[in-house]
C-alpha atoms as a PDB file:
ATOM      1  CA  UNK A   1      95.212  77.267 110.323  1.00  0.00           C
ATOM      2  CA  UNK A   2      93.540  80.746 110.943  1.00  0.00           C
ATOM      3  CA  UNK A   3      95.105  84.123 110.583  1.00  0.00           C
ATOM      4  CA  UNK A   4      94.475  87.841 110.870  1.00  0.00           C
ATOM      5  CA  UNK A   5      92.459  87.740 107.310  1.00  0.00           C
ATOM      6  CA  UNK A   6      90.023  85.356 108.076  1.00  0.00           C
ATOM      7  CA  UNK A   7      88.233  88.011 110.431  1.00  0.00           C
ATOM      8  CA  UNK A   8      89.903  91.280 108.289  1.00  0.00           C
ATOM      9  CA  UNK A   9      90.635  91.644 105.087  1.00  0.00           C
ATOM     10  CA  UNK A  10      93.417  94.063 105.698  1.00  0.00           C
ATOM     11  CA  UNK A  11      95.812  93.911 109.109  1.00  0.00           C
ATOM     12  CA  UNK A  12      97.812  97.281 109.775  1.00  0.00           C
ATOM     13  CA  UNK A  13     100.796  98.235 112.281  1.00  0.00           C
ATOM     14  CA  UNK A  14     100.227 101.344 114.032  1.00  0.00           C
ATOM     15  CA  UNK A  15     103.988 101.934 114.835  1.00  0.00           C
ATOM     16  CA  UNK A  16     107.398 100.224 114.504  1.00  0.00           C
ATOM     17  CA  UNK A  17     107.897  98.821 117.696  1.00  0.00           C
ATOM     18  CA  UNK A  18     104.355  97.251 117.991  1.00  0.00           C
ATOM     19  CA  UNK A  19     106.228  93.981 117.299  1.00  0.00           C
ATOM     20  CA  UNK A  20     108.932  92.704 118.995  1.00  0.00           C
ATOM     21  CA  UNK A  21     111.822  91.465 116.819  1.00  0.00           C
ATOM     22  CA  UNK A  22     110.936  87.354 117.408  1.00  0.00           C
ATOM     23  CA  UNK A  23     107.467  88.159 116.057  1.00  0.00           C
ATOM     24  CA  UNK A  24     108.524  89.547 112.966  1.00  0.00           C
ATOM     25  CA  UNK A  25     109.043  86.061 111.311  1.00  0.00           C
ATOM     26  CA  UNK A  26     105.051  85.000 111.939  1.00  0.00           C
ATOM     27  CA  UNK A  27     103.923  88.550 110.290  1.00  0.00           C
ATOM     28  CA  UNK A  28     103.614  86.466 106.841  1.00  0.00           C
ATOM     29  CA  UNK A  29     101.320  83.926 108.180  1.00  0.00           C
ATOM     30  CA  UNK A  30      99.702  85.856 110.310  1.00  0.00           C
ATOM     31  CA  UNK A  31      98.489  87.894 107.423  1.00  0.00           C
ATOM     32  CA  UNK A  32      98.096  84.870 105.004  1.00  0.00           C
ATOM     33  CA  UNK A  33      95.217  84.493 103.044  1.00  0.00           C
ATOM     34  CA  UNK A  34      95.332  80.802 103.163  1.00  0.00           C
ATOM     35  CA  UNK A  35      92.316  78.711 104.674  1.00  0.00           C
ATOM     36  CA  UNK A  36      94.150  75.050 103.763  1.00  0.00           C
ATOM     37  CA  UNK A  37      98.106  74.355 102.734  1.00  0.00           C
ATOM     38  CA  UNK A  38      99.162  71.019 102.284  1.00  0.00           C
ATOM     39  CA  UNK A  39     101.641  69.012 100.365  1.00  0.00           C
ATOM     40  CA  UNK A  40     100.849  65.571  98.936  1.00  0.00           C
ATOM     41  CA  UNK A  41     103.797  64.560  97.021  1.00  0.00           C
ATOM     42  CA  UNK A  42     105.351  67.158  94.724  1.00  0.00           C
ATOM     43  CA  UNK A  43     102.489  68.943  94.384  1.00  0.00           C
ATOM     44  CA  UNK A  44     101.293  71.805  97.019  1.00  0.00           C
ATOM     45  CA  UNK A  45      97.449  72.401  97.419  1.00  0.00           C
ATOM     46  CA  UNK A  46      96.671  75.968  98.789  1.00  0.00           C
ATOM     47  CA  UNK A  47      92.783  77.381  98.944  1.00  0.00           C
ATOM     48  CA  UNK A  48      92.416  81.128 100.177  1.00  0.00           C
ATOM     49  CA  UNK A  49      89.712  83.640 100.107  1.00  0.00           C
ATOM     50  CA  UNK A  50      91.996  86.649  98.394  1.00  0.00           C
ATOM     51  CA  UNK A  51      95.160  86.098  96.631  1.00  0.00           C
ATOM     52  CA  UNK A  52      98.086  84.485  98.131  1.00  0.00           C
ATOM     53  CA  UNK A  53     101.852  84.147  97.572  1.00  0.00           C
ATOM     54  CA  UNK A  54     103.649  80.786  97.895  1.00  0.00           C
ATOM     55  CA  UNK A  55     106.900  80.607  98.326  1.00  0.00           C
ATOM     56  CA  UNK A  56     108.327  78.664  95.271  1.00  0.00           C
ATOM     57  CA  UNK A  57     111.427  78.262  93.178  1.00  0.00           C
ATOM     58  CA  UNK A  58     111.423  77.522  89.352  1.00  0.00           C
ATOM     59  CA  UNK A  59     109.167  76.949  87.226  1.00  0.00           C
ATOM     60  CA  UNK A  60     105.474  76.523  88.251  1.00  0.00           C
ATOM     61  CA  UNK A  61     102.373  74.631  86.760  1.00  0.00           C
ATOM     62  CA  UNK A  62      99.105  76.048  88.605  1.00  0.00           C
ATOM     63  CA  UNK A  63      96.106  73.391  88.348  1.00  0.00           C
ATOM     64  CA  UNK A  64      98.375  71.750  85.428  1.00  0.00           C
ATOM     65  CA  UNK A  65      98.842  74.404  83.322  1.00  0.00           C
ATOM     66  CA  UNK A  66     102.224  76.705  83.286  1.00  0.00           C
ATOM     67  CA  UNK A  67     101.939  79.660  85.560  1.00  0.00           C
ATOM     68  CA  UNK A  68     102.800  83.160  84.180  1.00  0.00           C
ATOM     69  CA  UNK A  69     102.418  85.486  87.532  1.00  0.00           C
ATOM     70  CA  UNK A  70     105.446  84.517  89.539  1.00  0.00           C
ATOM     71  CA  UNK A  71     108.792  85.966  90.732  1.00  0.00           C
ATOM     72  CA  UNK A  72     111.989  84.062  91.264  1.00  0.00           C
ATOM     73  CA  UNK A  73     110.821  83.488  95.161  1.00  0.00           C
ATOM     74  CA  UNK A  74     107.093  83.368  95.085  1.00  0.00           C
ATOM     75  CA  UNK A  75     104.119  82.266  93.124  1.00  0.00           C
ATOM     76  CA  UNK A  76     101.254  84.753  92.894  1.00  0.00           C
ATOM     77  CA  UNK A  77      97.959  82.861  93.198  1.00  0.00           C
ATOM     78  CA  UNK A  78      94.216  84.105  93.046  1.00  0.00           C
ATOM     79  CA  UNK A  79      91.446  83.345  95.633  1.00  0.00           C
ATOM     80  CA  UNK A  80      90.196  79.902  95.050  1.00  0.00           C
ATOM     81  CA  UNK A  81      91.642  76.195  95.194  1.00  0.00           C
ATOM     82  CA  UNK A  82      94.566  76.053  93.548  1.00  0.00           C
ATOM     83  CA  UNK A  83      97.428  72.920  93.198  1.00  0.00           C
ATOM     84  CA  UNK A  84     101.163  73.896  92.391  1.00  0.00           C
ATOM     85  CA  UNK A  85     103.617  71.722  91.239  1.00  0.00           C
ATOM     86  CA  UNK A  86     107.020  72.156  89.724  1.00  0.00           C
ATOM     87  CA  UNK A  87     107.547  71.861  85.627  1.00  0.00           C
ATOM     88  CA  UNK A  88     110.155  72.266  83.170  1.00  0.00           C
ATOM     89  CA  UNK A  89     108.310  75.063  81.029  1.00  0.00           C
ATOM     90  CA  UNK A  90     109.798  78.476  81.652  1.00  0.00           C
ATOM     91  CA  UNK A  91     107.811  81.275  79.902  1.00  0.00           C
ATOM     92  CA  UNK A  92     109.181  83.787  77.813  1.00  0.00           C
ATOM     93  CA  UNK A  93     107.342  86.226  79.843  1.00  0.00           C
ATOM     94  CA  UNK A  94     106.108  86.599  83.735  1.00  0.00           C
ATOM     95  CA  UNK A  95     104.234  88.921  85.681  1.00  0.00           C
ATOM     96  CA  UNK A  96     106.647  88.997  88.854  1.00  0.00           C
ATOM     97  CA  UNK A  97     104.392  91.845  90.461  1.00  0.00           C
ATOM     98  CA  UNK A  98     100.768  93.197  90.356  1.00  0.00           C
ATOM     99  CA  UNK A  99      99.251  95.149  93.141  1.00  0.00           C
ATOM    100  CA  UNK A 100      95.713  94.689  92.069  1.00  0.00           C
ATOM    101  CA  UNK A 101      93.456  91.397  92.893  1.00  0.00           C
ATOM    102  CA  UNK A 102      94.439  88.587  90.715  1.00  0.00           C
ATOM    103  CA  UNK A 103      91.121  86.866  89.183  1.00  0.00           C
ATOM    104  CA  UNK A 104      92.997  84.571  86.810  1.00  0.00           C
ATOM    105  CA  UNK A 105      95.814  84.049  84.583  1.00  0.00           C
ATOM    106  CA  UNK A 106      97.218  81.208  82.158  1.00  0.00           C
ATOM    107  CA  UNK A 107     100.082  80.969  79.335  1.00  0.00           C
ATOM    108  CA  UNK A 108      98.339  80.727  75.727  1.00  0.00           C
ATOM    109  CA  UNK A 109     101.805  80.052  74.899  1.00  0.00           C
ATOM    110  CA  UNK A 110     105.468  80.385  75.825  1.00  0.00           C
ATOM    111  CA  UNK A 111     105.051  84.158  74.623  1.00  0.00           C
ATOM    112  CA  UNK A 112     101.909  84.738  75.263  1.00  0.00           C
ATOM    113  CA  UNK A 113     100.438  85.313  78.582  1.00  0.00           C
ATOM    114  CA  UNK A 114      96.479  86.220  79.813  1.00  0.00           C
ATOM    115  CA  UNK A 115      95.298  87.637  83.406  1.00  0.00           C
ATOM    116  CA  UNK A 116      92.841  89.534  84.998  1.00  0.00           C
ATOM    117  CA  UNK A 117      92.551  92.067  87.727  1.00  0.00           C
ATOM    118  CA  UNK A 118      90.509  94.221  89.596  1.00  0.00           C
ATOM    119  CA  UNK A 119      91.561  97.463  91.204  1.00  0.00           C
ATOM    120  CA  UNK A 120      89.764 100.534  92.201  1.00  0.00           C
ATOM    121  CA  UNK A 121      92.684 102.314  91.677  1.00  0.00           C
ATOM    122  CA  UNK A 122      95.325 102.378  88.885  1.00  0.00           C
ATOM    123  CA  UNK A 123      97.306  99.129  89.149  1.00  0.00           C
ATOM    124  CA  UNK A 124     100.955  98.813  88.372  1.00  0.00           C
ATOM    125  CA  UNK A 125     102.645  95.290  86.889  1.00  0.00           C
ATOM    126  CA  UNK A 126     106.425  94.534  86.699  1.00  0.00           C
ATOM    127  CA  UNK A 127     107.214  91.984  84.201  1.00  0.00           C
ATOM    128  CA  UNK A 128     110.589  90.042  83.736  1.00  0.00           C
ATOM    129  CA  UNK A 129     110.980  91.010  80.217  1.00  0.00           C
ATOM    130  CA  UNK A 130     109.793  94.246  78.636  1.00  0.00           C
ATOM    131  CA  UNK A 131     106.243  92.931  77.003  1.00  0.00           C
ATOM    132  CA  UNK A 132     106.260  93.710  72.812  1.00  0.00           C
ATOM    133  CA  UNK A 133     102.372  93.814  72.948  1.00  0.00           C
ATOM    134  CA  UNK A 134      99.789  94.653  75.499  1.00  0.00           C
ATOM    135  CA  UNK A 135      95.987  94.515  75.059  1.00  0.00           C
ATOM    136  CA  UNK A 136      93.741  95.771  77.598  1.00  0.00           C
ATOM    137  CA  UNK A 137      90.218  94.106  76.949  1.00  0.00           C
ATOM    138  CA  UNK A 138      90.614  93.016  73.655  1.00  0.00           C
ATOM    139  CA  UNK A 139      92.003  96.091  71.904  1.00  0.00           C
ATOM    140  CA  UNK A 140      95.458  97.391  71.651  1.00  0.00           C
ATOM    141  CA  UNK A 141      96.692  99.867  74.042  1.00  0.00           C
ATOM    142  CA  UNK A 142      99.347 102.034  74.222  1.00  0.00           C
ATOM    143  CA  UNK A 143      99.766 102.145  78.146  1.00  0.00           C
ATOM    144  CA  UNK A 144     101.970 104.210  79.891  1.00  0.00           C
ATOM    145  CA  UNK A 145     105.292 103.177  81.612  1.00  0.00           C
ATOM    146  CA  UNK A 146     106.464 103.457  84.960  1.00  0.00           C
ATOM    147  CA  UNK A 147     109.288 102.238  84.285  1.00  0.00           C
ATOM    148  CA  UNK A 148     111.613  99.756  81.717  1.00  0.00           C
ATOM    149  CA  UNK A 149     109.727  96.688  82.843  1.00  0.00           C
ATOM    150  CA  UNK A 150     106.544  98.106  85.044  1.00  0.00           C
ATOM    151  CA  UNK A 151     103.445  99.540  83.171  1.00  0.00           C
ATOM    152  CA  UNK A 152     100.809 101.303  84.745  1.00  0.00           C
ATOM    153  CA  UNK A 153      97.054  99.694  84.269  1.00  0.00           C
ATOM    154  CA  UNK A 154      93.472 101.118  84.519  1.00  0.00           C
ATOM    155  CA  UNK A 155      91.392 100.932  87.255  1.00  0.00           C
ATOM    156  CA  UNK A 156      88.352  98.359  87.628  1.00  0.00           C
ATOM    157  CA  UNK A 157      88.304  95.141  86.460  1.00  0.00           C
ATOM    158  CA  UNK A 158      90.158  94.136  83.168  1.00  0.00           C
ATOM    159  CA  UNK A 159      91.355  91.289  81.118  1.00  0.00           C
ATOM    160  CA  UNK A 160      95.117  91.880  79.542  1.00  0.00           C
ATOM    161  CA  UNK A 161      97.263  90.025  77.059  1.00  0.00           C
ATOM    162  CA  UNK A 162     100.674  90.165  76.856  1.00  0.00           C
ATOM    163  CA  UNK A 163     102.951  89.379  74.218  1.00  0.00           C
ATOM    164  CA  UNK A 164     106.516  88.994  74.474  1.00  0.00           C
ATOM    165  CA  UNK A 165     109.714  88.589  71.746  1.00  0.00           C
END
């Protein structure tokens, strides 16, 4: 598998008509950071140079643990080798979107989620339910809301802990 991201971290389109309509469906694969993707049985194994979104329906376990960074269509994975499989363990809170480099994540329990990220600028995180408590680098924080389920996160490398009701 070879993609544009194998040679370049960022790919840009210079103008709207630079791609023809039949080629638009190939754009996600061309920009994918996965160097390997295979499906042995019910698992999907993905190896990526950078974070990658894996099309997925329903709750997922990543590397054998319930995974909190997912929306209803995609499981978001950090760089590296990961196995993804279906699970029956839904979580009380999920991170639906994060516009930063995801470094790691885990569901400590169904209502406690931890993740770490890196961003050169302020980042945004969107949740499926508003978190009750947010800790940044182990300290309770009053974070600036950007919407009812969206918060601003500080730039840099940080660890986040979220508690849901």
